[in-house]
Amino acid sequence: MKTLCFFLLAGILIACQSSTQEQKQKQTTQESKENKTKTNPHNYLELGEKITTATQAALLKIVSQAIAQKGTHGAVEYCNIKALSIIDSLSKMHKCQIRRISDKYRNPQDKPQNTVEEKGLQTFLEKHQKQEQLVHFTLQEDNNIYYFKPIMISMETCLKCHGTEKDINERTLHTINQLYPNDLAKGYRLRAFRGAWVVRFQAK
C-alpha cells in the first residue's frame, strides 16, 4: 500500500513539474515574440553609430582626395556635386534616411525639416552652450526612430572651409560664395559644434 502511494505521489509530482515547465516554455516563447516587436533603443544607437561612422568616413575620403587634387576650393565644388548623392546611396543600402542638419547650414537641404529634427538639434545646441558633453541619442515619433549624433569641428582642415575669413583662402571663399550665396556655415573655431547626423529608421 505504501509502495502504491509512493508511485502515485511521484507520478503527480512529475506531471506537475512537466506542466510547469511547459507553461514556462510557453511564457518564454511569448515574451521572446513580444520583445521582437518592441523597439530596443540600444539597437538603434549601435546601428546609428555604425551607419554614421561609415558615412562620415566615405565623405572624408572624397574630400581628402579632392583637396589633394585641386585644393580646398576643389573640395567645395566636389561636395556640392557628390556629397548628397553619396549619402542617398548609403541611405538606400542601409534602408534608412541619412541626413546632416545644422542651424548654420551651407546647403539649404541641411536645414532641419521637421519638429523632431529641430528638437534633436536644439538639444545639442543647448548642451554645447552649457559646455556639457555631447553624446548620441534617439527620439521616436510614431513609427520612426531618429538617431542623432553631434558633428564637431575636430580638425584644423575643417577650418579651411568653415573657419573665419582668415582661415579660408581667397579662392575657396570665392567658390563658397558662388555656389552657396546664402551660406551660413563659416566663422567656426576648433572644437565648435557644427551640426548633427540624423538617421531615420522605420521601427519594426
N, C-alpha and C. Protein backbone atom coordinates (compact mmCIF):
# COMPACT_ATOMS: atom_id res chain seq x y z
N MET A 1 0.84 -1.22 0.00
CA MET A 1 0.00 0.00 0.00
C MET A 1 0.87 1.26 0.00
N LYS A 2 1.91 1.23 0.86
CA LYS A 2 2.82 2.38 0.93
C LYS A 2 3.54 2.58 -0.39
N THR A 3 3.90 1.42 -1.00
CA THR A 3 4.60 1.49 -2.29
C THR A 3 3.70 2.10 -3.36
N LEU A 4 2.43 1.72 -3.36
CA LEU A 4 1.48 2.26 -4.33
C LEU A 4 1.30 3.75 -4.15
N CYS A 5 1.19 4.19 -2.89
CA CYS A 5 1.04 5.63 -2.61
C CYS A 5 2.26 6.42 -3.07
N PHE A 6 3.43 5.77 -2.87
CA PHE A 6 4.67 6.44 -3.28
C PHE A 6 4.69 6.68 -4.79
N PHE A 7 4.32 5.65 -5.56
CA PHE A 7 4.33 5.80 -7.02
C PHE A 7 3.26 6.78 -7.50
N LEU A 8 2.12 6.79 -6.83
CA LEU A 8 1.07 7.75 -7.19
C LEU A 8 1.53 9.17 -6.93
N LEU A 9 2.17 9.36 -5.78
CA LEU A 9 2.68 10.70 -5.43
C LEU A 9 3.77 11.14 -6.39
N ALA A 10 4.65 10.21 -6.72
CA ALA A 10 5.73 10.53 -7.67
C ALA A 10 5.16 10.90 -9.03
N GLY A 11 4.12 10.17 -9.45
CA GLY A 11 3.50 10.46 -10.73
C GLY A 11 2.88 11.83 -10.77
N ILE A 12 2.24 12.21 -9.66
CA ILE A 12 1.61 13.53 -9.58
C ILE A 12 2.66 14.63 -9.64
N LEU A 13 3.78 14.43 -8.90
CA LEU A 13 4.85 15.44 -8.89
C LEU A 13 5.47 15.61 -10.27
N ILE A 14 5.69 14.50 -10.95
CA ILE A 14 6.28 14.55 -12.30
C ILE A 14 5.34 15.29 -13.27
N ALA A 15 4.04 14.99 -13.14
CA ALA A 15 3.05 15.64 -14.01
C ALA A 15 3.01 17.13 -13.76
N CYS A 16 3.07 17.51 -12.47
CA CYS A 16 3.05 18.94 -12.11
C CYS A 16 4.28 19.66 -12.63
N GLN A 17 5.46 18.99 -12.48
CA GLN A 17 6.70 19.59 -12.97
C GLN A 17 6.67 19.76 -14.48
N SER A 18 6.14 18.74 -15.15
CA SER A 18 6.05 18.79 -16.61
C SER A 18 5.14 19.93 -17.06
N SER A 19 4.00 20.06 -16.35
CA SER A 19 3.05 21.14 -16.68
C SER A 19 3.68 22.50 -16.44
N THR A 20 4.43 22.61 -15.33
CA THR A 20 5.08 23.89 -15.00
C THR A 20 6.13 24.25 -16.04
N GLN A 21 6.92 23.27 -16.48
CA GLN A 21 7.95 23.51 -17.50
C GLN A 21 7.33 23.94 -18.81
N GLU A 22 6.20 23.28 -19.17
CA GLU A 22 5.53 23.66 -20.42
C GLU A 22 5.03 25.09 -20.35
N GLN A 23 4.49 25.49 -19.18
CA GLN A 23 4.00 26.86 -19.00
C GLN A 23 5.15 27.86 -19.11
N LYS A 24 6.30 27.50 -18.50
CA LYS A 24 7.47 28.39 -18.54
C LYS A 24 7.97 28.55 -19.97
N GLN A 25 7.98 27.41 -20.71
CA GLN A 25 8.42 27.45 -22.10
C GLN A 25 7.50 28.32 -22.95
N LYS A 26 6.19 28.18 -22.73
CA LYS A 26 5.22 29.00 -23.46
C LYS A 26 5.39 30.47 -23.13
N GLN A 27 5.62 30.75 -21.83
CA GLN A 27 5.79 32.14 -21.39
C GLN A 27 7.04 32.75 -21.99
N THR A 28 8.15 31.95 -22.00
CA THR A 28 9.41 32.42 -22.57
C THR A 28 9.27 32.70 -24.06
N THR A 29 8.57 31.79 -24.76
CA THR A 29 8.34 31.96 -26.20
C THR A 29 7.52 33.21 -26.48
N GLN A 30 6.48 33.43 -25.67
CA GLN A 30 5.62 34.59 -25.84
C GLN A 30 6.39 35.88 -25.58
N GLU A 31 7.21 35.88 -24.51
CA GLU A 31 8.00 37.07 -24.17
C GLU A 31 9.01 37.36 -25.27
N SER A 32 9.58 36.29 -25.84
CA SER A 32 10.54 36.47 -26.94
C SER A 32 9.88 37.11 -28.14
N LYS A 33 8.65 36.66 -28.46
CA LYS A 33 7.91 37.24 -29.58
C LYS A 33 7.59 38.71 -29.32
N GLU A 34 7.19 39.00 -28.09
CA GLU A 34 6.84 40.38 -27.74
C GLU A 34 8.05 41.29 -27.79
N ASN A 35 9.20 40.78 -27.34
CA ASN A 35 10.41 41.59 -27.34
C ASN A 35 10.85 41.93 -28.75
N LYS A 36 10.59 41.01 -29.68
CA LYS A 36 10.96 41.27 -31.07
C LYS A 36 10.15 42.41 -31.67
N THR A 37 8.94 42.58 -31.17
CA THR A 37 8.07 43.62 -31.72
C THR A 37 8.29 44.96 -31.03
N LYS A 38 8.95 44.95 -29.86
CA LYS A 38 9.20 46.20 -29.15
C LYS A 38 10.45 46.88 -29.66
N THR A 39 10.48 48.20 -29.57
CA THR A 39 11.66 48.96 -30.00
C THR A 39 12.72 48.90 -28.92
N ASN A 40 13.91 48.51 -29.30
CA ASN A 40 15.04 48.50 -28.39
C ASN A 40 15.95 49.67 -28.73
N PRO A 41 15.96 50.74 -27.93
CA PRO A 41 16.73 51.94 -28.28
C PRO A 41 18.22 51.68 -28.40
N HIS A 42 18.74 50.68 -27.66
CA HIS A 42 20.16 50.39 -27.74
C HIS A 42 20.55 49.85 -29.10
N ASN A 43 19.67 49.08 -29.72
CA ASN A 43 19.95 48.58 -31.06
C ASN A 43 20.07 49.73 -32.06
N TYR A 44 19.20 50.71 -31.95
CA TYR A 44 19.23 51.85 -32.87
C TYR A 44 20.44 52.75 -32.59
N LEU A 45 20.88 52.83 -31.35
CA LEU A 45 22.09 53.59 -31.03
C LEU A 45 23.31 52.94 -31.69
N GLU A 46 23.38 51.62 -31.57
CA GLU A 46 24.50 50.89 -32.17
C GLU A 46 24.47 50.98 -33.69
N LEU A 47 23.28 50.79 -34.26
CA LEU A 47 23.14 50.82 -35.70
C LEU A 47 23.39 52.23 -36.25
N GLY A 48 22.86 53.24 -35.55
CA GLY A 48 23.08 54.62 -35.97
C GLY A 48 24.55 55.00 -35.94
N GLU A 49 25.24 54.56 -34.91
CA GLU A 49 26.68 54.83 -34.79
C GLU A 49 27.45 54.19 -35.93
N LYS A 50 27.10 52.95 -36.24
CA LYS A 50 27.77 52.23 -37.32
C LYS A 50 27.55 52.92 -38.66
N ILE A 51 26.32 53.31 -38.94
CA ILE A 51 25.98 53.93 -40.22
C ILE A 51 26.62 55.29 -40.38
N THR A 52 26.54 56.13 -39.34
CA THR A 52 27.10 57.49 -39.45
C THR A 52 28.63 57.47 -39.52
N THR A 53 29.25 56.52 -38.83
CA THR A 53 30.71 56.39 -38.90
C THR A 53 31.15 56.02 -40.31
N ALA A 54 30.42 55.09 -40.93
CA ALA A 54 30.74 54.68 -42.30
C ALA A 54 30.49 55.81 -43.29
N THR A 55 29.40 56.55 -43.09
CA THR A 55 29.07 57.66 -43.98
C THR A 55 30.09 58.78 -43.86
N GLN A 56 30.45 59.10 -42.64
CA GLN A 56 31.43 60.16 -42.42
C GLN A 56 32.79 59.79 -43.01
N ALA A 57 33.16 58.53 -42.88
CA ALA A 57 34.42 58.06 -43.44
C ALA A 57 34.42 58.16 -44.97
N ALA A 58 33.28 57.83 -45.58
CA ALA A 58 33.17 57.90 -47.04
C ALA A 58 33.29 59.35 -47.53
N LEU A 59 32.63 60.27 -46.84
CA LEU A 59 32.70 61.69 -47.22
C LEU A 59 34.10 62.26 -46.99
N LEU A 60 34.70 61.87 -45.87
CA LEU A 60 36.05 62.37 -45.55
C LEU A 60 37.06 61.90 -46.61
N LYS A 61 36.85 60.69 -47.09
CA LYS A 61 37.74 60.15 -48.11
C LYS A 61 37.67 60.96 -49.40
N ILE A 62 36.45 61.27 -49.86
CA ILE A 62 36.34 62.01 -51.12
C ILE A 62 36.79 63.46 -50.96
N VAL A 63 36.57 64.04 -49.77
CA VAL A 63 37.02 65.41 -49.53
C VAL A 63 38.55 65.46 -49.52
N SER A 64 39.17 64.48 -48.88
CA SER A 64 40.64 64.43 -48.82
C SER A 64 41.23 64.27 -50.21
N GLN A 65 40.60 63.42 -51.03
CA GLN A 65 41.08 63.23 -52.40
C GLN A 65 40.93 64.51 -53.22
N ALA A 66 39.79 65.19 -53.03
CA ALA A 66 39.55 66.43 -53.77
C ALA A 66 40.54 67.51 -53.37
N ILE A 67 40.83 67.61 -52.09
CA ILE A 67 41.80 68.61 -51.60
C ILE A 67 43.18 68.31 -52.17
N ALA A 68 43.56 67.03 -52.19
CA ALA A 68 44.87 66.64 -52.70
C ALA A 68 45.01 66.95 -54.19
N GLN A 69 43.90 66.82 -54.93
CA GLN A 69 43.95 67.02 -56.38
C GLN A 69 43.78 68.48 -56.79
N LYS A 70 42.87 69.21 -56.11
CA LYS A 70 42.53 70.56 -56.56
C LYS A 70 42.62 71.64 -55.49
N GLY A 71 42.89 71.24 -54.25
CA GLY A 71 42.89 72.23 -53.18
C GLY A 71 41.52 72.33 -52.52
N THR A 72 41.39 73.18 -51.51
CA THR A 72 40.13 73.25 -50.76
C THR A 72 38.97 73.76 -51.61
N HIS A 73 39.25 74.63 -52.58
CA HIS A 73 38.16 75.11 -53.44
C HIS A 73 37.58 73.95 -54.26
N GLY A 74 38.47 73.01 -54.64
CA GLY A 74 38.02 71.84 -55.38
C GLY A 74 37.15 70.93 -54.52
N ALA A 75 37.46 70.87 -53.23
CA ALA A 75 36.65 70.06 -52.30
C ALA A 75 35.25 70.64 -52.17
N VAL A 76 35.16 71.98 -52.14
CA VAL A 76 33.85 72.64 -52.06
C VAL A 76 33.02 72.31 -53.30
N GLU A 77 33.65 72.37 -54.45
CA GLU A 77 32.95 72.05 -55.71
C GLU A 77 32.51 70.59 -55.73
N TYR A 78 33.39 69.71 -55.29
CA TYR A 78 33.09 68.28 -55.31
C TYR A 78 31.94 67.94 -54.36
N CYS A 79 31.98 68.53 -53.16
CA CYS A 79 30.91 68.29 -52.19
C CYS A 79 29.56 68.78 -52.72
N ASN A 80 29.60 69.89 -53.43
CA ASN A 80 28.38 70.46 -53.99
C ASN A 80 27.71 69.49 -54.96
N ILE A 81 28.53 68.71 -55.65
CA ILE A 81 28.00 67.80 -56.67
C ILE A 81 27.76 66.39 -56.12
N LYS A 82 28.69 65.90 -55.31
CA LYS A 82 28.70 64.48 -54.96
C LYS A 82 28.21 64.11 -53.56
N ALA A 83 28.33 65.00 -52.59
CA ALA A 83 28.07 64.63 -51.19
C ALA A 83 26.67 64.05 -50.99
N LEU A 84 25.65 64.75 -51.49
CA LEU A 84 24.28 64.30 -51.28
C LEU A 84 23.99 62.97 -51.98
N SER A 85 24.58 62.77 -53.15
CA SER A 85 24.35 61.52 -53.88
C SER A 85 24.99 60.34 -53.14
N ILE A 86 26.13 60.57 -52.50
CA ILE A 86 26.78 59.52 -51.71
C ILE A 86 25.93 59.17 -50.49
N ILE A 87 25.42 60.20 -49.82
CA ILE A 87 24.56 59.98 -48.64
C ILE A 87 23.28 59.25 -49.05
N ASP A 88 22.70 59.64 -50.18
CA ASP A 88 21.48 58.96 -50.66
C ASP A 88 21.76 57.49 -50.97
N SER A 89 22.90 57.22 -51.56
CA SER A 89 23.27 55.85 -51.90
C SER A 89 23.43 54.99 -50.65
N LEU A 90 24.07 55.55 -49.61
CA LEU A 90 24.25 54.83 -48.35
C LEU A 90 22.92 54.66 -47.62
N SER A 91 22.02 55.63 -47.77
CA SER A 91 20.69 55.52 -47.18
C SER A 91 19.94 54.32 -47.76
N LYS A 92 20.02 54.15 -49.07
CA LYS A 92 19.35 53.03 -49.72
C LYS A 92 19.97 51.71 -49.30
N MET A 93 21.29 51.70 -49.18
CA MET A 93 21.99 50.47 -48.82
C MET A 93 21.60 50.02 -47.41
N HIS A 94 21.47 50.98 -46.48
CA HIS A 94 21.15 50.65 -45.08
C HIS A 94 19.65 50.69 -44.79
N LYS A 95 18.84 50.99 -45.81
CA LYS A 95 17.38 51.03 -45.68
C LYS A 95 16.95 52.01 -44.57
N CYS A 96 17.44 53.22 -44.67
CA CYS A 96 17.10 54.29 -43.72
C CYS A 96 17.29 55.62 -44.45
N GLN A 97 17.09 56.71 -43.74
CA GLN A 97 17.36 58.03 -44.31
C GLN A 97 18.47 58.70 -43.51
N ILE A 98 19.56 59.03 -44.17
CA ILE A 98 20.71 59.66 -43.52
C ILE A 98 20.75 61.13 -43.93
N ARG A 99 20.89 62.00 -42.94
CA ARG A 99 20.97 63.43 -43.22
C ARG A 99 21.97 64.11 -42.31
N ARG A 100 22.44 65.29 -42.75
CA ARG A 100 23.17 66.20 -41.88
C ARG A 100 22.31 67.43 -41.68
N ILE A 101 22.24 67.92 -40.46
CA ILE A 101 21.45 69.12 -40.20
C ILE A 101 22.28 70.11 -39.40
N SER A 102 21.94 71.38 -39.53
CA SER A 102 22.65 72.42 -38.79
C SER A 102 21.79 73.68 -38.73
N ASP A 103 22.02 74.49 -37.69
CA ASP A 103 21.36 75.79 -37.63
C ASP A 103 22.10 76.79 -38.50
N LYS A 104 23.38 76.47 -38.80
CA LYS A 104 24.20 77.31 -39.68
C LYS A 104 24.60 76.45 -40.88
N TYR A 105 23.64 76.24 -41.74
CA TYR A 105 23.85 75.32 -42.86
C TYR A 105 24.47 76.04 -44.06
N ARG A 106 25.16 75.25 -44.87
CA ARG A 106 25.71 75.74 -46.13
C ARG A 106 24.75 75.42 -47.27
N ASN A 107 24.34 74.18 -47.33
CA ASN A 107 23.34 73.75 -48.30
C ASN A 107 21.96 73.86 -47.64
N PRO A 108 21.01 74.56 -48.24
CA PRO A 108 19.66 74.70 -47.65
C PRO A 108 18.99 73.37 -47.33
N GLN A 109 19.41 72.30 -48.03
CA GLN A 109 18.83 70.99 -47.76
C GLN A 109 19.24 70.44 -46.40
N ASP A 110 20.24 71.05 -45.78
CA ASP A 110 20.70 70.61 -44.46
C ASP A 110 19.98 71.33 -43.31
N LYS A 111 18.98 72.09 -43.65
CA LYS A 111 18.17 72.74 -42.62
C LYS A 111 17.22 71.70 -42.02
N PRO A 112 16.98 71.71 -40.69
CA PRO A 112 16.02 70.76 -40.10
C PRO A 112 14.68 70.81 -40.82
N GLN A 113 14.10 69.64 -41.09
CA GLN A 113 12.90 69.56 -41.92
C GLN A 113 11.62 69.26 -41.15
N ASN A 114 11.74 68.92 -39.88
CA ASN A 114 10.54 68.66 -39.09
C ASN A 114 10.81 68.96 -37.62
N THR A 115 9.79 68.84 -36.80
CA THR A 115 9.92 69.20 -35.39
C THR A 115 10.86 68.27 -34.62
N VAL A 116 10.95 67.00 -35.05
CA VAL A 116 11.85 66.07 -34.38
C VAL A 116 13.30 66.46 -34.63
N GLU A 117 13.62 66.79 -35.88
CA GLU A 117 14.98 67.23 -36.20
C GLU A 117 15.32 68.53 -35.48
N GLU A 118 14.36 69.43 -35.40
CA GLU A 118 14.57 70.70 -34.68
C GLU A 118 14.84 70.43 -33.20
N LYS A 119 14.08 69.51 -32.62
CA LYS A 119 14.24 69.18 -31.20
C LYS A 119 15.61 68.55 -30.93
N GLY A 120 16.02 67.63 -31.81
CA GLY A 120 17.32 66.98 -31.65
C GLY A 120 18.46 67.96 -31.76
N LEU A 121 18.38 68.85 -32.75
CA LEU A 121 19.43 69.85 -32.95
C LEU A 121 19.48 70.82 -31.77
N GLN A 122 18.32 71.24 -31.30
CA GLN A 122 18.25 72.18 -30.18
C GLN A 122 18.84 71.58 -28.91
N THR A 123 18.64 70.28 -28.73
CA THR A 123 19.22 69.59 -27.57
C THR A 123 20.74 69.70 -27.57
N PHE A 124 21.36 69.48 -28.73
CA PHE A 124 22.81 69.61 -28.85
C PHE A 124 23.26 71.06 -28.64
N LEU A 125 22.54 72.00 -29.24
CA LEU A 125 22.92 73.40 -29.12
C LEU A 125 22.92 73.87 -27.66
N GLU A 126 21.89 73.48 -26.93
CA GLU A 126 21.78 73.88 -25.52
C GLU A 126 22.87 73.25 -24.67
N LYS A 127 23.15 71.98 -24.92
CA LYS A 127 24.20 71.30 -24.15
C LYS A 127 25.57 71.88 -24.46
N HIS A 128 25.81 72.19 -25.74
CA HIS A 128 27.10 72.76 -26.14
C HIS A 128 27.29 74.15 -25.52
N GLN A 129 26.22 74.92 -25.47
CA GLN A 129 26.28 76.24 -24.87
C GLN A 129 26.63 76.16 -23.38
N LYS A 130 26.15 75.10 -22.73
CA LYS A 130 26.43 74.89 -21.31
C LYS A 130 27.75 74.15 -21.10
N GLN A 131 28.45 73.87 -22.21
CA GLN A 131 29.73 73.16 -22.18
C GLN A 131 29.58 71.75 -21.62
N GLU A 132 28.44 71.15 -21.87
CA GLU A 132 28.21 69.76 -21.46
C GLU A 132 28.67 68.82 -22.58
N GLN A 133 28.97 67.59 -22.20
CA GLN A 133 29.40 66.61 -23.19
C GLN A 133 28.24 66.25 -24.11
N LEU A 134 28.53 66.17 -25.40
CA LEU A 134 27.51 65.82 -26.38
C LEU A 134 27.62 64.34 -26.72
N VAL A 135 26.55 63.61 -26.52
CA VAL A 135 26.52 62.18 -26.81
C VAL A 135 25.32 61.87 -27.70
N HIS A 136 25.43 60.79 -28.44
CA HIS A 136 24.34 60.42 -29.35
C HIS A 136 23.12 59.97 -28.58
N PHE A 137 21.95 60.09 -29.22
CA PHE A 137 20.69 59.68 -28.58
C PHE A 137 19.65 59.41 -29.66
N THR A 138 18.51 58.88 -29.24
CA THR A 138 17.42 58.62 -30.18
C THR A 138 16.13 59.29 -29.71
N LEU A 139 15.28 59.61 -30.65
CA LEU A 139 13.94 60.11 -30.39
C LEU A 139 12.97 59.32 -31.25
N GLN A 140 11.76 59.13 -30.77
CA GLN A 140 10.77 58.38 -31.54
C GLN A 140 9.54 59.23 -31.79
N GLU A 141 9.04 59.13 -33.02
CA GLU A 141 7.78 59.77 -33.38
C GLU A 141 7.00 58.79 -34.24
N ASP A 142 5.84 58.37 -33.74
CA ASP A 142 5.03 57.36 -34.44
C ASP A 142 5.88 56.11 -34.69
N ASN A 143 6.00 55.70 -35.94
CA ASN A 143 6.79 54.50 -36.26
C ASN A 143 8.22 54.82 -36.69
N ASN A 144 8.66 56.04 -36.48
CA ASN A 144 10.00 56.44 -36.88
C ASN A 144 10.91 56.62 -35.67
N ILE A 145 12.12 56.07 -35.77
CA ILE A 145 13.15 56.26 -34.76
C ILE A 145 14.21 57.17 -35.38
N TYR A 146 14.52 58.27 -34.70
CA TYR A 146 15.53 59.22 -35.18
C TYR A 146 16.78 59.09 -34.31
N TYR A 147 17.90 58.84 -34.96
CA TYR A 147 19.19 58.76 -34.28
C TYR A 147 19.94 60.07 -34.51
N PHE A 148 20.47 60.66 -33.45
CA PHE A 148 21.19 61.94 -33.55
C PHE A 148 22.62 61.77 -33.04
N LYS A 149 23.57 62.29 -33.80
CA LYS A 149 24.98 62.23 -33.42
C LYS A 149 25.62 63.60 -33.72
N PRO A 150 26.34 64.18 -32.75
CA PRO A 150 26.91 65.52 -32.97
C PRO A 150 28.03 65.51 -34.00
N ILE A 151 28.13 66.60 -34.74
CA ILE A 151 29.25 66.83 -35.66
C ILE A 151 30.05 68.01 -35.11
N MET A 152 31.32 67.78 -34.85
CA MET A 152 32.16 68.81 -34.26
C MET A 152 33.24 69.25 -35.26
N ILE A 153 33.72 70.47 -35.09
CA ILE A 153 34.89 70.93 -35.85
C ILE A 153 36.09 70.35 -35.11
N SER A 154 36.55 69.20 -35.55
CA SER A 154 37.56 68.46 -34.80
C SER A 154 38.96 68.52 -35.40
N MET A 155 39.08 69.05 -36.64
CA MET A 155 40.39 69.12 -37.30
C MET A 155 40.64 70.51 -37.87
N GLU A 156 41.88 70.88 -37.92
CA GLU A 156 42.27 72.18 -38.50
C GLU A 156 41.82 72.27 -39.96
N THR A 157 41.81 71.14 -40.64
CA THR A 157 41.41 71.11 -42.05
C THR A 157 39.99 71.62 -42.24
N CYS A 158 39.12 71.35 -41.26
CA CYS A 158 37.72 71.78 -41.35
C CYS A 158 37.62 73.30 -41.46
N LEU A 159 38.56 74.00 -40.81
CA LEU A 159 38.52 75.46 -40.78
C LEU A 159 38.83 76.07 -42.15
N LYS A 160 39.44 75.30 -43.03
CA LYS A 160 39.77 75.82 -44.35
C LYS A 160 38.52 76.08 -45.19
N CYS A 161 37.40 75.48 -44.77
CA CYS A 161 36.13 75.72 -45.46
C CYS A 161 35.07 76.31 -44.53
N HIS A 162 35.24 76.12 -43.22
CA HIS A 162 34.21 76.53 -42.26
C HIS A 162 34.71 77.50 -41.19
N GLY A 163 35.96 77.91 -41.27
CA GLY A 163 36.51 78.80 -40.26
C GLY A 163 36.19 80.26 -40.52
N THR A 164 36.96 81.14 -39.92
CA THR A 164 36.80 82.58 -40.15
C THR A 164 37.45 82.94 -41.48
N GLU A 165 37.31 84.16 -41.90
CA GLU A 165 37.85 84.58 -43.20
C GLU A 165 39.38 84.48 -43.24
N LYS A 166 40.03 84.57 -42.10
CA LYS A 166 41.49 84.44 -42.09
C LYS A 166 41.92 82.97 -42.28
N ASP A 167 40.99 82.04 -42.01
CA ASP A 167 41.29 80.61 -42.19
C ASP A 167 41.03 80.14 -43.62
N ILE A 168 40.13 80.83 -44.33
CA ILE A 168 39.70 80.40 -45.66
C ILE A 168 40.43 81.24 -46.72
N ASN A 169 41.11 80.58 -47.65
CA ASN A 169 41.83 81.34 -48.66
C ASN A 169 40.86 81.99 -49.65
N GLU A 170 41.35 82.95 -50.36
CA GLU A 170 40.50 83.78 -51.22
C GLU A 170 39.77 82.98 -52.30
N ARG A 171 40.46 82.02 -52.89
CA ARG A 171 39.84 81.25 -53.96
C ARG A 171 38.72 80.35 -53.42
N THR A 172 38.97 79.75 -52.25
CA THR A 172 37.95 78.90 -51.64
C THR A 172 36.74 79.73 -51.23
N LEU A 173 37.00 80.90 -50.66
CA LEU A 173 35.92 81.79 -50.24
C LEU A 173 35.07 82.21 -51.43
N HIS A 174 35.73 82.50 -52.55
CA HIS A 174 35.01 82.87 -53.78
C HIS A 174 34.13 81.72 -54.25
N THR A 175 34.65 80.50 -54.20
CA THR A 175 33.89 79.32 -54.63
C THR A 175 32.67 79.11 -53.74
N ILE A 176 32.87 79.25 -52.42
CA ILE A 176 31.76 79.09 -51.48
C ILE A 176 30.66 80.11 -51.77
N ASN A 177 31.06 81.36 -51.92
CA ASN A 177 30.08 82.43 -52.17
C ASN A 177 29.36 82.26 -53.50
N GLN A 178 30.06 81.68 -54.47
CA GLN A 178 29.47 81.47 -55.78
C GLN A 178 28.46 80.32 -55.76
N LEU A 179 28.82 79.21 -55.10
CA LEU A 179 27.96 78.03 -55.07
C LEU A 179 26.87 78.12 -54.01
N TYR A 180 27.18 78.83 -52.92
CA TYR A 180 26.23 78.95 -51.81
C TYR A 180 26.09 80.42 -51.40
N PRO A 181 25.36 81.19 -52.18
CA PRO A 181 25.26 82.63 -51.90
C PRO A 181 24.63 82.96 -50.54
N ASN A 182 23.87 82.04 -49.97
CA ASN A 182 23.26 82.27 -48.66
C ASN A 182 23.92 81.42 -47.56
N ASP A 183 25.20 81.14 -47.76
CA ASP A 183 25.94 80.28 -46.83
C ASP A 183 25.96 80.84 -45.41
N LEU A 184 25.73 79.94 -44.44
CA LEU A 184 25.79 80.31 -43.02
C LEU A 184 26.88 79.55 -42.28
N ALA A 185 27.60 78.68 -43.00
CA ALA A 185 28.49 77.72 -42.35
C ALA A 185 29.94 78.17 -42.25
N LYS A 186 30.17 79.44 -41.98
CA LYS A 186 31.52 79.95 -41.76
C LYS A 186 31.60 80.57 -40.36
N GLY A 187 32.83 80.87 -39.95
CA GLY A 187 33.02 81.52 -38.66
C GLY A 187 33.22 80.58 -37.49
N TYR A 188 33.39 79.29 -37.78
CA TYR A 188 33.60 78.31 -36.72
C TYR A 188 35.04 78.31 -36.22
N ARG A 189 35.21 77.83 -35.00
CA ARG A 189 36.53 77.61 -34.42
C ARG A 189 36.68 76.15 -34.06
N LEU A 190 37.90 75.74 -33.79
CA LEU A 190 38.18 74.35 -33.46
C LEU A 190 37.38 73.92 -32.23
N ARG A 191 36.83 72.71 -32.29
CA ARG A 191 36.02 72.09 -31.23
C ARG A 191 34.63 72.72 -31.09
N ALA A 192 34.22 73.50 -32.07
CA ALA A 192 32.87 74.07 -32.05
C ALA A 192 31.87 73.03 -32.55
N PHE A 193 30.62 73.19 -32.14
CA PHE A 193 29.55 72.31 -32.60
C PHE A 193 29.11 72.75 -33.99
N ARG A 194 29.20 71.84 -34.94
CA ARG A 194 28.91 72.17 -36.34
C ARG A 194 27.48 71.83 -36.75
N GLY A 195 26.95 70.74 -36.18
CA GLY A 195 25.62 70.28 -36.57
C GLY A 195 25.44 68.85 -36.11
N ALA A 196 24.59 68.10 -36.79
CA ALA A 196 24.32 66.73 -36.35
C ALA A 196 24.02 65.81 -37.53
N TRP A 197 24.40 64.55 -37.33
CA TRP A 197 23.94 63.49 -38.22
C TRP A 197 22.57 63.05 -37.72
N VAL A 198 21.67 62.80 -38.65
CA VAL A 198 20.36 62.27 -38.30
C VAL A 198 20.10 61.04 -39.18
N VAL A 199 19.76 59.95 -38.52
CA VAL A 199 19.40 58.74 -39.26
C VAL A 199 17.98 58.38 -38.85
N ARG A 200 17.09 58.31 -39.83
CA ARG A 200 15.69 57.96 -39.54
C ARG A 200 15.42 56.52 -39.92
N PHE A 201 15.02 55.73 -38.93
CA PHE A 201 14.65 54.34 -39.15
C PHE A 201 13.14 54.19 -39.03
N GLN A 202 12.60 53.23 -39.73
CA GLN A 202 11.21 52.87 -39.53
C GLN A 202 11.17 51.71 -38.54
N ALA A 203 10.56 51.96 -37.37
CA ALA A 203 10.53 50.93 -36.33
C ALA A 203 9.77 49.72 -36.80
N LYS A 204 10.24 48.55 -36.45
CA LYS A 204 9.61 47.29 -36.88
C LYS A 204 8.59 46.84 -35.85
